[in-house]
Amino acid sequence: MTPDALRSVALALPGTDEGFNMGSVVFKVNGKVLCRLLSDDVAMFTGVGFDEREMLMEARPDVFHITPHYRDYPGMLVNLGPLDPVECASFLEKRWRQIAPKQAANAFDAGKA
């Protein structure tokens, strides 16, 4: 997975905007953070619960990790290199559904049918 591939996946979700905040590229939906691109090889996925995060870090430490700075934040750091694009899309869509307006999610689902 590359930063450009992450950008493509994020911007494919309706209503996603790209910006720059706190020194990094940020993708937002409905004014809320979908994910951040922290560097060329690390992203922050938001909305990942603590239990899910622990399970993912144990199962795939090459991909998922956390630093003390983000320990109390419901999110997870992701190494982009070994991240599968389908897995990335799944994570981002899950978060998108948490923060997107209901009308956007319904229209998105209607377009998939």
C-alpha atoms as a PDB file:
ATOM      1  CA  MET A   1       0.000   0.000   0.000  1.00  0.00           C
ATOM      2  CA  THR A   2       1.323   3.426  -0.894  1.00  0.00           C
ATOM      3  CA  PRO A   3       0.246   6.891   0.255  1.00  0.00           C
ATOM      4  CA  ASP A   4      -1.353   7.443  -3.157  1.00  0.00           C
ATOM      5  CA  ALA A   5      -3.279   4.166  -2.850  1.00  0.00           C
ATOM      6  CA  LEU A   6      -4.505   5.196   0.613  1.00  0.00           C
ATOM      7  CA  ARG A   7      -5.554   8.563  -0.809  1.00  0.00           C
ATOM      8  CA  SER A   8      -7.502   6.819  -3.596  1.00  0.00           C
ATOM      9  CA  VAL A   9      -9.295   4.513  -1.160  1.00  0.00           C
ATOM     10  CA  ALA A  10     -10.181   7.364   1.207  1.00  0.00           C
ATOM     11  CA  LEU A  11     -11.366   9.764  -1.498  1.00  0.00           C
ATOM     12  CA  ALA A  12     -13.521   7.045  -3.089  1.00  0.00           C
ATOM     13  CA  LEU A  13     -15.812   7.284  -0.066  1.00  0.00           C
ATOM     14  CA  PRO A  14     -18.518   9.935  -0.651  1.00  0.00           C
ATOM     15  CA  GLY A  15     -18.065  13.242   1.104  1.00  0.00           C
ATOM     16  CA  THR A  16     -14.419  12.664   1.995  1.00  0.00           C
ATOM     17  CA  ASP A  17     -12.238  15.771   1.924  1.00  0.00           C
ATOM     18  CA  GLU A  18      -8.453  15.936   1.961  1.00  0.00           C
ATOM     19  CA  GLY A  19      -6.712  18.612   3.970  1.00  0.00           C
ATOM     20  CA  PHE A  20      -3.657  19.360   6.038  1.00  0.00           C
ATOM     21  CA  ASN A  21      -3.749  19.671   9.806  1.00  0.00           C
ATOM     22  CA  MET A  22      -1.264  19.320  12.654  1.00  0.00           C
ATOM     23  CA  GLY A  23       1.599  18.638  10.261  1.00  0.00           C
ATOM     24  CA  SER A  24      -0.011  15.822   8.298  1.00  0.00           C
ATOM     25  CA  VAL A  25      -2.447  15.070   5.517  1.00  0.00           C
ATOM     26  CA  VAL A  26      -5.879  14.385   6.959  1.00  0.00           C
ATOM     27  CA  PHE A  27      -8.977  12.885   5.378  1.00  0.00           C
ATOM     28  CA  LYS A  28     -12.266  13.995   6.915  1.00  0.00           C
ATOM     29  CA  VAL A  29     -15.921  13.161   6.478  1.00  0.00           C
ATOM     30  CA  ASN A  30     -18.658  15.328   7.919  1.00  0.00           C
ATOM     31  CA  GLY A  31     -15.985  17.334   9.769  1.00  0.00           C
ATOM     32  CA  LYS A  32     -14.608  14.236  11.522  1.00  0.00           C
ATOM     33  CA  VAL A  33     -11.273  12.507  10.944  1.00  0.00           C
ATOM     34  CA  LEU A  34     -11.384   9.375   8.818  1.00  0.00           C
ATOM     35  CA  CYS A  35      -7.605   8.851   8.807  1.00  0.00           C
ATOM     36  CA  ARG A  36      -4.300  10.689   8.753  1.00  0.00           C
ATOM     37  CA  LEU A  37      -1.277  10.106   6.580  1.00  0.00           C
ATOM     38  CA  LEU A  38       1.548  10.679   9.055  1.00  0.00           C
ATOM     39  CA  SER A  39       4.426   9.819   6.699  1.00  0.00           C
ATOM     40  CA  ASP A  40       5.102   7.927   3.491  1.00  0.00           C
ATOM     41  CA  ASP A  41       4.787   4.634   5.319  1.00  0.00           C
ATOM     42  CA  VAL A  42       2.564   5.228   8.379  1.00  0.00           C
ATOM     43  CA  ALA A  43      -1.082   6.217   8.704  1.00  0.00           C
ATOM     44  CA  MET A  44      -3.391   6.698  11.670  1.00  0.00           C
ATOM     45  CA  PHE A  45      -6.788   5.037  11.362  1.00  0.00           C
ATOM     46  CA  THR A  46      -9.323   6.586  13.724  1.00  0.00           C
ATOM     47  CA  GLY A  47     -12.318   4.973  15.360  1.00  0.00           C
ATOM     48  CA  VAL A  48     -10.581   1.699  16.200  1.00  0.00           C
ATOM     49  CA  GLY A  49     -11.707   0.504  19.616  1.00  0.00           C
ATOM     50  CA  PHE A  50      -9.195  -0.525  22.249  1.00  0.00           C
ATOM     51  CA  ASP A  51     -10.148  -4.222  22.210  1.00  0.00           C
ATOM     52  CA  GLU A  52     -10.012  -4.424  18.423  1.00  0.00           C
ATOM     53  CA  ARG A  53      -6.695  -2.586  18.437  1.00  0.00           C
ATOM     54  CA  GLU A  54      -5.133  -5.046  20.892  1.00  0.00           C
ATOM     55  CA  MET A  55      -6.326  -7.997  18.840  1.00  0.00           C
ATOM     56  CA  LEU A  56      -4.981  -6.526  15.606  1.00  0.00           C
ATOM     57  CA  MET A  57      -1.595  -5.675  17.113  1.00  0.00           C
ATOM     58  CA  GLU A  58      -1.251  -9.200  18.441  1.00  0.00           C
ATOM     59  CA  ALA A  59      -2.318 -10.816  15.176  1.00  0.00           C
ATOM     60  CA  ARG A  60      -0.389  -8.519  12.776  1.00  0.00           C
ATOM     61  CA  PRO A  61       2.400  -6.618  14.568  1.00  0.00           C
ATOM     62  CA  ASP A  62       4.063  -5.980  11.188  1.00  0.00           C
ATOM     63  CA  VAL A  63       1.075  -3.838  10.176  1.00  0.00           C
ATOM     64  CA  PHE A  64      -0.615  -2.517  13.330  1.00  0.00           C
ATOM     65  CA  HIS A  65       1.017  -0.738  16.247  1.00  0.00           C
ATOM     66  CA  ILE A  66       0.597   2.128  18.674  1.00  0.00           C
ATOM     67  CA  THR A  67       2.901   4.587  20.394  1.00  0.00           C
ATOM     68  CA  PRO A  68       2.528   6.024  23.904  1.00  0.00           C
ATOM     69  CA  HIS A  69       1.286   9.283  22.343  1.00  0.00           C
ATOM     70  CA  TYR A  70      -1.795   7.518  20.914  1.00  0.00           C
ATOM     71  CA  ARG A  71      -2.298   4.980  23.730  1.00  0.00           C
ATOM     72  CA  ASP A  72      -5.468   6.630  25.089  1.00  0.00           C
ATOM     73  CA  TYR A  73      -6.887   7.553  21.680  1.00  0.00           C
ATOM     74  CA  PRO A  74      -9.334   5.242  19.846  1.00  0.00           C
ATOM     75  CA  GLY A  75      -7.174   4.735  16.812  1.00  0.00           C
ATOM     76  CA  MET A  76      -4.261   2.760  15.532  1.00  0.00           C
ATOM     77  CA  LEU A  77      -1.041   3.332  13.640  1.00  0.00           C
ATOM     78  CA  VAL A  78      -0.749   1.340  10.436  1.00  0.00           C
ATOM     79  CA  ASN A  79       2.384   0.461   8.462  1.00  0.00           C
ATOM     80  CA  LEU A  80       1.249   0.994   4.886  1.00  0.00           C
ATOM     81  CA  GLY A  81       3.793  -1.251   3.158  1.00  0.00           C
ATOM     82  CA  PRO A  82       2.381  -4.608   4.278  1.00  0.00           C
ATOM     83  CA  LEU A  83      -1.243  -3.396   4.444  1.00  0.00           C
ATOM     84  CA  ASP A  84      -3.502  -5.097   1.917  1.00  0.00           C
ATOM     85  CA  PRO A  85      -5.600  -2.603  -0.119  1.00  0.00           C
ATOM     86  CA  VAL A  86      -8.785  -4.612   0.518  1.00  0.00           C
ATOM     87  CA  GLU A  87      -8.078  -4.557   4.255  1.00  0.00           C
ATOM     88  CA  CYS A  88      -7.468  -0.815   4.063  1.00  0.00           C
ATOM     89  CA  ALA A  89     -10.743  -0.240   2.240  1.00  0.00           C
ATOM     90  CA  SER A  90     -12.583  -2.298   4.838  1.00  0.00           C
ATOM     91  CA  PHE A  91     -11.167  -0.280   7.751  1.00  0.00           C
ATOM     92  CA  LEU A  92     -11.865   3.054   6.112  1.00  0.00           C
ATOM     93  CA  GLU A  93     -15.394   2.119   5.071  1.00  0.00           C
ATOM     94  CA  LYS A  94     -16.166   0.944   8.604  1.00  0.00           C
ATOM     95  CA  ARG A  95     -15.019   4.303  10.025  1.00  0.00           C
ATOM     96  CA  TRP A  96     -16.746   6.190   7.216  1.00  0.00           C
ATOM     97  CA  ARG A  97     -20.046   4.559   8.201  1.00  0.00           C
ATOM     98  CA  GLN A  98     -19.525   5.754  11.789  1.00  0.00           C
ATOM     99  CA  ILE A  99     -19.121   9.403  10.788  1.00  0.00           C
ATOM    100  CA  ALA A 100     -20.880   9.888   7.427  1.00  0.00           C
ATOM    101  CA  PRO A 101     -24.381  11.324   7.300  1.00  0.00           C
ATOM    102  CA  LYS A 102     -27.039   8.585   7.116  1.00  0.00           C
ATOM    103  CA  GLN A 103     -28.230   9.870   3.740  1.00  0.00           C
ATOM    104  CA  ALA A 104     -24.729   9.449   2.288  1.00  0.00           C
ATOM    105  CA  ALA A 105     -24.450   5.895   3.627  1.00  0.00           C
ATOM    106  CA  ASN A 106     -27.869   5.006   2.211  1.00  0.00           C
ATOM    107  CA  ALA A 107     -26.978   6.457  -1.196  1.00  0.00           C
ATOM    108  CA  PHE A 108     -23.619   4.639  -1.129  1.00  0.00           C
ATOM    109  CA  ASP A 109     -25.370   1.344  -0.347  1.00  0.00           C
ATOM    110  CA  ALA A 110     -27.957   1.934  -3.076  1.00  0.00           C
ATOM    111  CA  GLY A 111     -25.130   2.435  -5.574  1.00  0.00           C
ATOM    112  CA  LYS A 112     -23.622  -0.937  -4.639  1.00  0.00           C
ATOM    113  CA  ALA A 113     -26.833  -2.836  -5.382  1.00  0.00           C
END
